[in-house]
Amino acid sequence: MSSTQRISVEINRDLLRSAKRILATATIRETIEKALLEVQRGEARREEVEALSSMEGLDLIDPDVMAKAWRS
């Protein structure tokens, strides 16, 4: 379930126009929501890169797991 909140905020028009173009959005609300989702996705990507870089908590360094992954 999604919740919403009515907020009044001043937004730089040039930044908004640029974001609308980049995100291919039509309304201010759509632009803000899509931009916030992009922030969440960016953080998820950073977390994945960190996990893959450190291999922490991943089975990819377990030889038994990897042996099963490469079956022909």
PDB file of N, CA and C in Angstrom:
ATOM      1  N   MET A   1       0.841  -1.167   0.000  1.00  0.00           N
ATOM      2  CA  MET A   1       0.000   0.000   0.000  1.00  0.00           C
ATOM      3  C   MET A   1       0.893   1.240   0.000  1.00  0.00           C
ATOM      4  N   SER A   2       0.608   2.152  -0.830  1.00  0.00           N
ATOM      5  CA  SER A   2       1.394   3.366  -0.952  1.00  0.00           C
ATOM      6  C   SER A   2       0.708   4.504  -0.207  1.00  0.00           C
ATOM      7  N   SER A   3       1.502   5.302   0.472  1.00  0.00           N
ATOM      8  CA  SER A   3       0.929   6.461   1.149  1.00  0.00           C
ATOM      9  C   SER A   3       1.445   7.722   0.468  1.00  0.00           C
ATOM     10  N   THR A   4       0.667   8.751   0.537  1.00  0.00           N
ATOM     11  CA  THR A   4       1.059  10.016  -0.063  1.00  0.00           C
ATOM     12  C   THR A   4       0.939  11.117   0.970  1.00  0.00           C
ATOM     13  N   GLN A   5       1.628  12.208   0.707  1.00  0.00           N
ATOM     14  CA  GLN A   5       1.574  13.364   1.581  1.00  0.00           C
ATOM     15  C   GLN A   5       1.601  14.609   0.711  1.00  0.00           C
ATOM     16  N   ARG A   6       0.721  15.518   0.981  1.00  0.00           N
ATOM     17  CA  ARG A   6       0.678  16.777   0.249  1.00  0.00           C
ATOM     18  C   ARG A   6       1.738  17.694   0.847  1.00  0.00           C
ATOM     19  N   ILE A   7       2.643  18.175  -0.018  1.00  0.00           N
ATOM     20  CA  ILE A   7       3.748  19.020   0.424  1.00  0.00           C
ATOM     21  C   ILE A   7       3.862  20.214  -0.513  1.00  0.00           C
ATOM     22  N   SER A   8       4.096  21.356   0.063  1.00  0.00           N
ATOM     23  CA  SER A   8       4.356  22.556  -0.725  1.00  0.00           C
ATOM     24  C   SER A   8       5.849  22.819  -0.669  1.00  0.00           C
ATOM     25  N   VAL A   9       6.474  22.913  -1.844  1.00  0.00           N
ATOM     26  CA  VAL A   9       7.921  23.086  -1.885  1.00  0.00           C
ATOM     27  C   VAL A   9       8.295  23.956  -3.079  1.00  0.00           C
ATOM     28  N   GLU A  10       9.332  24.759  -2.912  1.00  0.00           N
ATOM     29  CA  GLU A  10       9.842  25.553  -4.024  1.00  0.00           C
ATOM     30  C   GLU A  10      10.864  24.714  -4.784  1.00  0.00           C
ATOM     31  N   ILE A  11      10.720  24.666  -6.106  1.00  0.00           N
ATOM     32  CA  ILE A  11      11.601  23.852  -6.945  1.00  0.00           C
ATOM     33  C   ILE A  11      12.183  24.738  -8.038  1.00  0.00           C
ATOM     34  N   ASN A  12      13.463  24.597  -8.272  1.00  0.00           N
ATOM     35  CA  ASN A  12      14.124  25.324  -9.340  1.00  0.00           C
ATOM     36  C   ASN A  12      13.526  24.890 -10.681  1.00  0.00           C
ATOM     37  N   ARG A  13      12.989  25.829 -11.426  1.00  0.00           N
ATOM     38  CA  ARG A  13      12.297  25.500 -12.685  1.00  0.00           C
ATOM     39  C   ARG A  13      13.227  24.877 -13.718  1.00  0.00           C
ATOM     40  N   ASP A  14      14.457  25.358 -13.791  1.00  0.00           N
ATOM     41  CA  ASP A  14      15.409  24.801 -14.763  1.00  0.00           C
ATOM     42  C   ASP A  14      15.739  23.349 -14.432  1.00  0.00           C
ATOM     43  N   LEU A  15      15.937  23.070 -13.139  1.00  0.00           N
ATOM     44  CA  LEU A  15      16.216  21.687 -12.736  1.00  0.00           C
ATOM     45  C   LEU A  15      15.016  20.788 -13.003  1.00  0.00           C
ATOM     46  N   LEU A  16      13.827  21.305 -12.723  1.00  0.00           N
ATOM     47  CA  LEU A  16      12.614  20.531 -12.975  1.00  0.00           C
ATOM     48  C   LEU A  16      12.450  20.249 -14.464  1.00  0.00           C
ATOM     49  N   ARG A  17      12.637  21.253 -15.280  1.00  0.00           N
ATOM     50  CA  ARG A  17      12.516  21.091 -16.733  1.00  0.00           C
ATOM     51  C   ARG A  17      13.528  20.050 -17.236  1.00  0.00           C
ATOM     52  N   SER A  18      14.738  20.138 -16.741  1.00  0.00           N
ATOM     53  CA  SER A  18      15.771  19.190 -17.138  1.00  0.00           C
ATOM     54  C   SER A  18      15.418  17.770 -16.694  1.00  0.00           C
ATOM     55  N   ALA A  19      14.969  17.634 -15.458  1.00  0.00           N
ATOM     56  CA  ALA A  19      14.587  16.310 -14.950  1.00  0.00           C
ATOM     57  C   ALA A  19      13.426  15.731 -15.743  1.00  0.00           C
ATOM     58  N   LYS A  20      12.441  16.561 -16.081  1.00  0.00           N
ATOM     59  CA  LYS A  20      11.299  16.087 -16.877  1.00  0.00           C
ATOM     60  C   LYS A  20      11.764  15.568 -18.230  1.00  0.00           C
ATOM     61  N   ARG A  21      12.703  16.268 -18.834  1.00  0.00           N
ATOM     62  CA  ARG A  21      13.222  15.838 -20.131  1.00  0.00           C
ATOM     63  C   ARG A  21      13.987  14.513 -19.999  1.00  0.00           C
ATOM     64  N   ILE A  22      14.877  14.451 -19.017  1.00  0.00           N
ATOM     65  CA  ILE A  22      15.700  13.253 -18.817  1.00  0.00           C
ATOM     66  C   ILE A  22      14.842  12.043 -18.462  1.00  0.00           C
ATOM     67  N   LEU A  23      13.856  12.245 -17.609  1.00  0.00           N
ATOM     68  CA  LEU A  23      13.018  11.139 -17.139  1.00  0.00           C
ATOM     69  C   LEU A  23      11.823  10.861 -18.041  1.00  0.00           C
ATOM     70  N   ALA A  24      11.634  11.717 -19.038  1.00  0.00           N
ATOM     71  CA  ALA A  24      10.510  11.572 -19.977  1.00  0.00           C
ATOM     72  C   ALA A  24       9.172  11.557 -19.231  1.00  0.00           C
ATOM     73  N   THR A  25       9.000  12.539 -18.359  1.00  0.00           N
ATOM     74  CA  THR A  25       7.773  12.653 -17.584  1.00  0.00           C
ATOM     75  C   THR A  25       6.999  13.892 -18.013  1.00  0.00           C
ATOM     76  N   ALA A  26       5.722  13.911 -17.678  1.00  0.00           N
ATOM     77  CA  ALA A  26       4.861  15.007 -18.120  1.00  0.00           C
ATOM     78  C   ALA A  26       4.456  15.957 -16.991  1.00  0.00           C
ATOM     79  N   THR A  27       4.339  15.426 -15.784  1.00  0.00           N
ATOM     80  CA  THR A  27       3.858  16.269 -14.688  1.00  0.00           C
ATOM     81  C   THR A  27       4.933  16.416 -13.617  1.00  0.00           C
ATOM     82  N   ILE A  28       4.743  17.418 -12.765  1.00  0.00           N
ATOM     83  CA  ILE A  28       5.678  17.629 -11.669  1.00  0.00           C
ATOM     84  C   ILE A  28       5.660  16.421 -10.731  1.00  0.00           C
ATOM     85  N   ARG A  29       4.481  15.960 -10.379  1.00  0.00           N
ATOM     86  CA  ARG A  29       4.366  14.811  -9.477  1.00  0.00           C
ATOM     87  C   ARG A  29       5.058  13.578 -10.059  1.00  0.00           C
ATOM     88  N   GLU A  30       4.801  13.293 -11.318  1.00  0.00           N
ATOM     89  CA  GLU A  30       5.414  12.142 -11.969  1.00  0.00           C
ATOM     90  C   GLU A  30       6.937  12.285 -11.968  1.00  0.00           C
ATOM     91  N   THR A  31       7.418  13.486 -12.225  1.00  0.00           N
ATOM     92  CA  THR A  31       8.855  13.737 -12.261  1.00  0.00           C
ATOM     93  C   THR A  31       9.487  13.499 -10.895  1.00  0.00           C
ATOM     94  N   ILE A  32       8.869  14.035  -9.856  1.00  0.00           N
ATOM     95  CA  ILE A  32       9.416  13.870  -8.511  1.00  0.00           C
ATOM     96  C   ILE A  32       9.391  12.405  -8.101  1.00  0.00           C
ATOM     97  N   GLU A  33       8.280  11.716  -8.354  1.00  0.00           N
ATOM     98  CA  GLU A  33       8.185  10.302  -7.979  1.00  0.00           C
ATOM     99  C   GLU A  33       9.203   9.458  -8.736  1.00  0.00           C
ATOM    100  N   LYS A  34       9.352   9.721 -10.026  1.00  0.00           N
ATOM    101  CA  LYS A  34      10.314   8.946 -10.814  1.00  0.00           C
ATOM    102  C   LYS A  34      11.743   9.254 -10.368  1.00  0.00           C
ATOM    103  N   ALA A  35      12.019  10.503 -10.029  1.00  0.00           N
ATOM    104  CA  ALA A  35      13.354  10.870  -9.551  1.00  0.00           C
ATOM    105  C   ALA A  35      13.653  10.175  -8.221  1.00  0.00           C
ATOM    106  N   LEU A  36      12.671  10.117  -7.326  1.00  0.00           N
ATOM    107  CA  LEU A  36      12.875   9.429  -6.051  1.00  0.00           C
ATOM    108  C   LEU A  36      13.099   7.934  -6.262  1.00  0.00           C
ATOM    109  N   LEU A  37      12.376   7.344  -7.197  1.00  0.00           N
ATOM    110  CA  LEU A  37      12.598   5.926  -7.518  1.00  0.00           C
ATOM    111  C   LEU A  37      13.997   5.702  -8.078  1.00  0.00           C
ATOM    112  N   GLU A  38      14.469   6.633  -8.899  1.00  0.00           N
ATOM    113  CA  GLU A  38      15.819   6.532  -9.446  1.00  0.00           C
ATOM    114  C   GLU A  38      16.869   6.589  -8.344  1.00  0.00           C
ATOM    115  N   VAL A  39      16.632   7.391  -7.321  1.00  0.00           N
ATOM    116  CA  VAL A  39      17.548   7.453  -6.178  1.00  0.00           C
ATOM    117  C   VAL A  39      17.577   6.093  -5.477  1.00  0.00           C
ATOM    118  N   GLN A  40      16.415   5.492  -5.267  1.00  0.00           N
ATOM    119  CA  GLN A  40      16.353   4.174  -4.631  1.00  0.00           C
ATOM    120  C   GLN A  40      17.059   3.124  -5.484  1.00  0.00           C
ATOM    121  N   ARG A  41      16.821   3.139  -6.770  1.00  0.00           N
ATOM    122  CA  ARG A  41      17.467   2.167  -7.668  1.00  0.00           C
ATOM    123  C   ARG A  41      18.980   2.357  -7.687  1.00  0.00           C
ATOM    124  N   GLY A  42      19.406   3.603  -7.675  1.00  0.00           N
ATOM    125  CA  GLY A  42      20.844   3.883  -7.649  1.00  0.00           C
ATOM    126  C   GLY A  42      21.491   3.324  -6.394  1.00  0.00           C
ATOM    127  N   GLU A  43      20.835   3.480  -5.263  1.00  0.00           N
ATOM    128  CA  GLU A  43      21.364   2.939  -4.008  1.00  0.00           C
ATOM    129  C   GLU A  43      21.401   1.413  -4.064  1.00  0.00           C
ATOM    130  N   ALA A  44      20.370   0.789  -4.610  1.00  0.00           N
ATOM    131  CA  ALA A  44      20.356  -0.673  -4.742  1.00  0.00           C
ATOM    132  C   ALA A  44      21.503  -1.143  -5.634  1.00  0.00           C
ATOM    133  N   ARG A  45      21.763  -0.408  -6.719  1.00  0.00           N
ATOM    134  CA  ARG A  45      22.893  -0.769  -7.597  1.00  0.00           C
ATOM    135  C   ARG A  45      24.218  -0.629  -6.858  1.00  0.00           C
ATOM    136  N   ARG A  46      24.385   0.456  -6.096  1.00  0.00           N
ATOM    137  CA  ARG A  46      25.627   0.645  -5.335  1.00  0.00           C
ATOM    138  C   ARG A  46      25.823  -0.494  -4.324  1.00  0.00           C
ATOM    139  N   GLU A  47      24.737  -0.898  -3.665  1.00  0.00           N
ATOM    140  CA  GLU A  47      24.820  -1.998  -2.710  1.00  0.00           C
ATOM    141  C   GLU A  47      25.208  -3.305  -3.398  1.00  0.00           C
ATOM    142  N   GLU A  48      24.647  -3.557  -4.581  1.00  0.00           N
ATOM    143  CA  GLU A  48      24.993  -4.772  -5.330  1.00  0.00           C
ATOM    144  C   GLU A  48      26.457  -4.759  -5.752  1.00  0.00           C
ATOM    145  N   VAL A  49      26.929  -3.630  -6.245  1.00  0.00           N
ATOM    146  CA  VAL A  49      28.336  -3.521  -6.652  1.00  0.00           C
ATOM    147  C   VAL A  49      29.240  -3.766  -5.453  1.00  0.00           C
ATOM    148  N   GLU A  50      28.894  -3.181  -4.317  1.00  0.00           N
ATOM    149  CA  GLU A  50      29.681  -3.375  -3.098  1.00  0.00           C
ATOM    150  C   GLU A  50      29.695  -4.849  -2.702  1.00  0.00           C
ATOM    151  N   ALA A  51      28.527  -5.493  -2.740  1.00  0.00           N
ATOM    152  CA  ALA A  51      28.446  -6.917  -2.383  1.00  0.00           C
ATOM    153  C   ALA A  51      29.279  -7.766  -3.340  1.00  0.00           C
ATOM    154  N   LEU A  52      29.216  -7.475  -4.620  1.00  0.00           N
ATOM    155  CA  LEU A  52      29.996  -8.236  -5.603  1.00  0.00           C
ATOM    156  C   LEU A  52      31.485  -7.948  -5.482  1.00  0.00           C
ATOM    157  N   SER A  53      31.814  -6.726  -5.132  1.00  0.00           N
ATOM    158  CA  SER A  53      33.236  -6.365  -4.977  1.00  0.00           C
ATOM    159  C   SER A  53      33.856  -7.049  -3.770  1.00  0.00           C
ATOM    160  N   SER A  54      33.116  -7.129  -2.701  1.00  0.00           N
ATOM    161  CA  SER A  54      33.652  -7.729  -1.469  1.00  0.00           C
ATOM    162  C   SER A  54      33.353  -9.218  -1.377  1.00  0.00           C
ATOM    163  N   MET A  55      32.359  -9.667  -2.139  1.00  0.00           N
ATOM    164  CA  MET A  55      31.888 -11.051  -2.112  1.00  0.00           C
ATOM    165  C   MET A  55      31.319 -11.422  -0.742  1.00  0.00           C
ATOM    166  N   GLU A  56      31.126 -10.430   0.107  1.00  0.00           N
ATOM    167  CA  GLU A  56      30.615 -10.671   1.450  1.00  0.00           C
ATOM    168  C   GLU A  56      29.163 -11.146   1.401  1.00  0.00           C
ATOM    169  N   GLY A  57      28.906 -12.261   2.050  1.00  0.00           N
ATOM    170  CA  GLY A  57      27.558 -12.793   2.125  1.00  0.00           C
ATOM    171  C   GLY A  57      27.090 -13.492   0.856  1.00  0.00           C
ATOM    172  N   LEU A  58      28.000 -13.690  -0.099  1.00  0.00           N
ATOM    173  CA  LEU A  58      27.623 -14.348  -1.354  1.00  0.00           C
ATOM    174  C   LEU A  58      28.201 -15.755  -1.407  1.00  0.00           C
ATOM    175  N   ASP A  59      27.469 -16.655  -2.031  1.00  0.00           N
ATOM    176  CA  ASP A  59      27.920 -18.038  -2.182  1.00  0.00           C
ATOM    177  C   ASP A  59      28.924 -18.187  -3.321  1.00  0.00           C
ATOM    178  N   LEU A  60      29.211 -17.133  -4.024  1.00  0.00           N
ATOM    179  CA  LEU A  60      30.084 -17.215  -5.195  1.00  0.00           C
ATOM    180  C   LEU A  60      31.523 -17.583  -4.832  1.00  0.00           C
ATOM    181  N   ILE A  61      31.899 -17.442  -3.555  1.00  0.00           N
ATOM    182  CA  ILE A  61      33.246 -17.836  -3.147  1.00  0.00           C
ATOM    183  C   ILE A  61      33.272 -19.248  -2.561  1.00  0.00           C
ATOM    184  N   ASP A  62      32.124 -19.896  -2.499  1.00  0.00           N
ATOM    185  CA  ASP A  62      32.029 -21.263  -1.980  1.00  0.00           C
ATOM    186  C   ASP A  62      32.281 -22.235  -3.139  1.00  0.00           C
ATOM    187  N   PRO A  63      33.382 -22.983  -3.094  1.00  0.00           N
ATOM    188  CA  PRO A  63      33.722 -23.897  -4.195  1.00  0.00           C
ATOM    189  C   PRO A  63      32.634 -24.932  -4.489  1.00  0.00           C
ATOM    190  N   ASP A  64      31.940 -25.415  -3.459  1.00  0.00           N
ATOM    191  CA  ASP A  64      30.877 -26.407  -3.678  1.00  0.00           C
ATOM    192  C   ASP A  64      29.714 -25.800  -4.460  1.00  0.00           C
ATOM    193  N   VAL A  65      29.351 -24.588  -4.123  1.00  0.00           N
ATOM    194  CA  VAL A  65      28.263 -23.899  -4.826  1.00  0.00           C
ATOM    195  C   VAL A  65      28.668 -23.645  -6.273  1.00  0.00           C
ATOM    196  N   MET A  66      29.871 -23.160  -6.469  1.00  0.00           N
ATOM    197  CA  MET A  66      30.320 -22.830  -7.823  1.00  0.00           C
ATOM    198  C   MET A  66      30.503 -24.078  -8.675  1.00  0.00           C
ATOM    199  N   ALA A  67      30.899 -25.177  -8.075  1.00  0.00           N
ATOM    200  CA  ALA A  67      31.040 -26.433  -8.830  1.00  0.00           C
ATOM    201  C   ALA A  67      29.703 -26.863  -9.411  1.00  0.00           C
ATOM    202  N   LYS A  68      28.629 -26.655  -8.666  1.00  0.00           N
ATOM    203  CA  LYS A  68      27.299 -27.005  -9.139  1.00  0.00           C
ATOM    204  C   LYS A  68      26.794 -26.031 -10.207  1.00  0.00           C
ATOM    205  N   ALA A  69      27.282 -24.805 -10.152  1.00  0.00           N
ATOM    206  CA  ALA A  69      26.833 -23.789 -11.094  1.00  0.00           C
ATOM    207  C   ALA A  69      27.379 -24.031 -12.500  1.00  0.00           C
ATOM    208  N   TRP A  70      28.488 -24.744 -12.609  1.00  0.00           N
ATOM    209  CA  TRP A  70      29.139 -24.925 -13.901  1.00  0.00           C
ATOM    210  C   TRP A  70      28.929 -26.311 -14.492  1.00  0.00           C
ATOM    211  N   ARG A  71      27.826 -26.956 -14.141  1.00  0.00           N
ATOM    212  CA  ARG A  71      27.506 -28.252 -14.734  1.00  0.00           C
ATOM    213  C   ARG A  71      27.214 -28.093 -16.216  1.00  0.00           C
ATOM    214  N   SER A  72      27.597 -29.098 -16.997  1.00  0.00           N
ATOM    215  CA  SER A  72      27.313 -29.054 -18.440  1.00  0.00           C
ATOM    216  C   SER A  72      26.011 -29.718 -18.762  1.00  0.00           C
TER     217      SER A  72
END
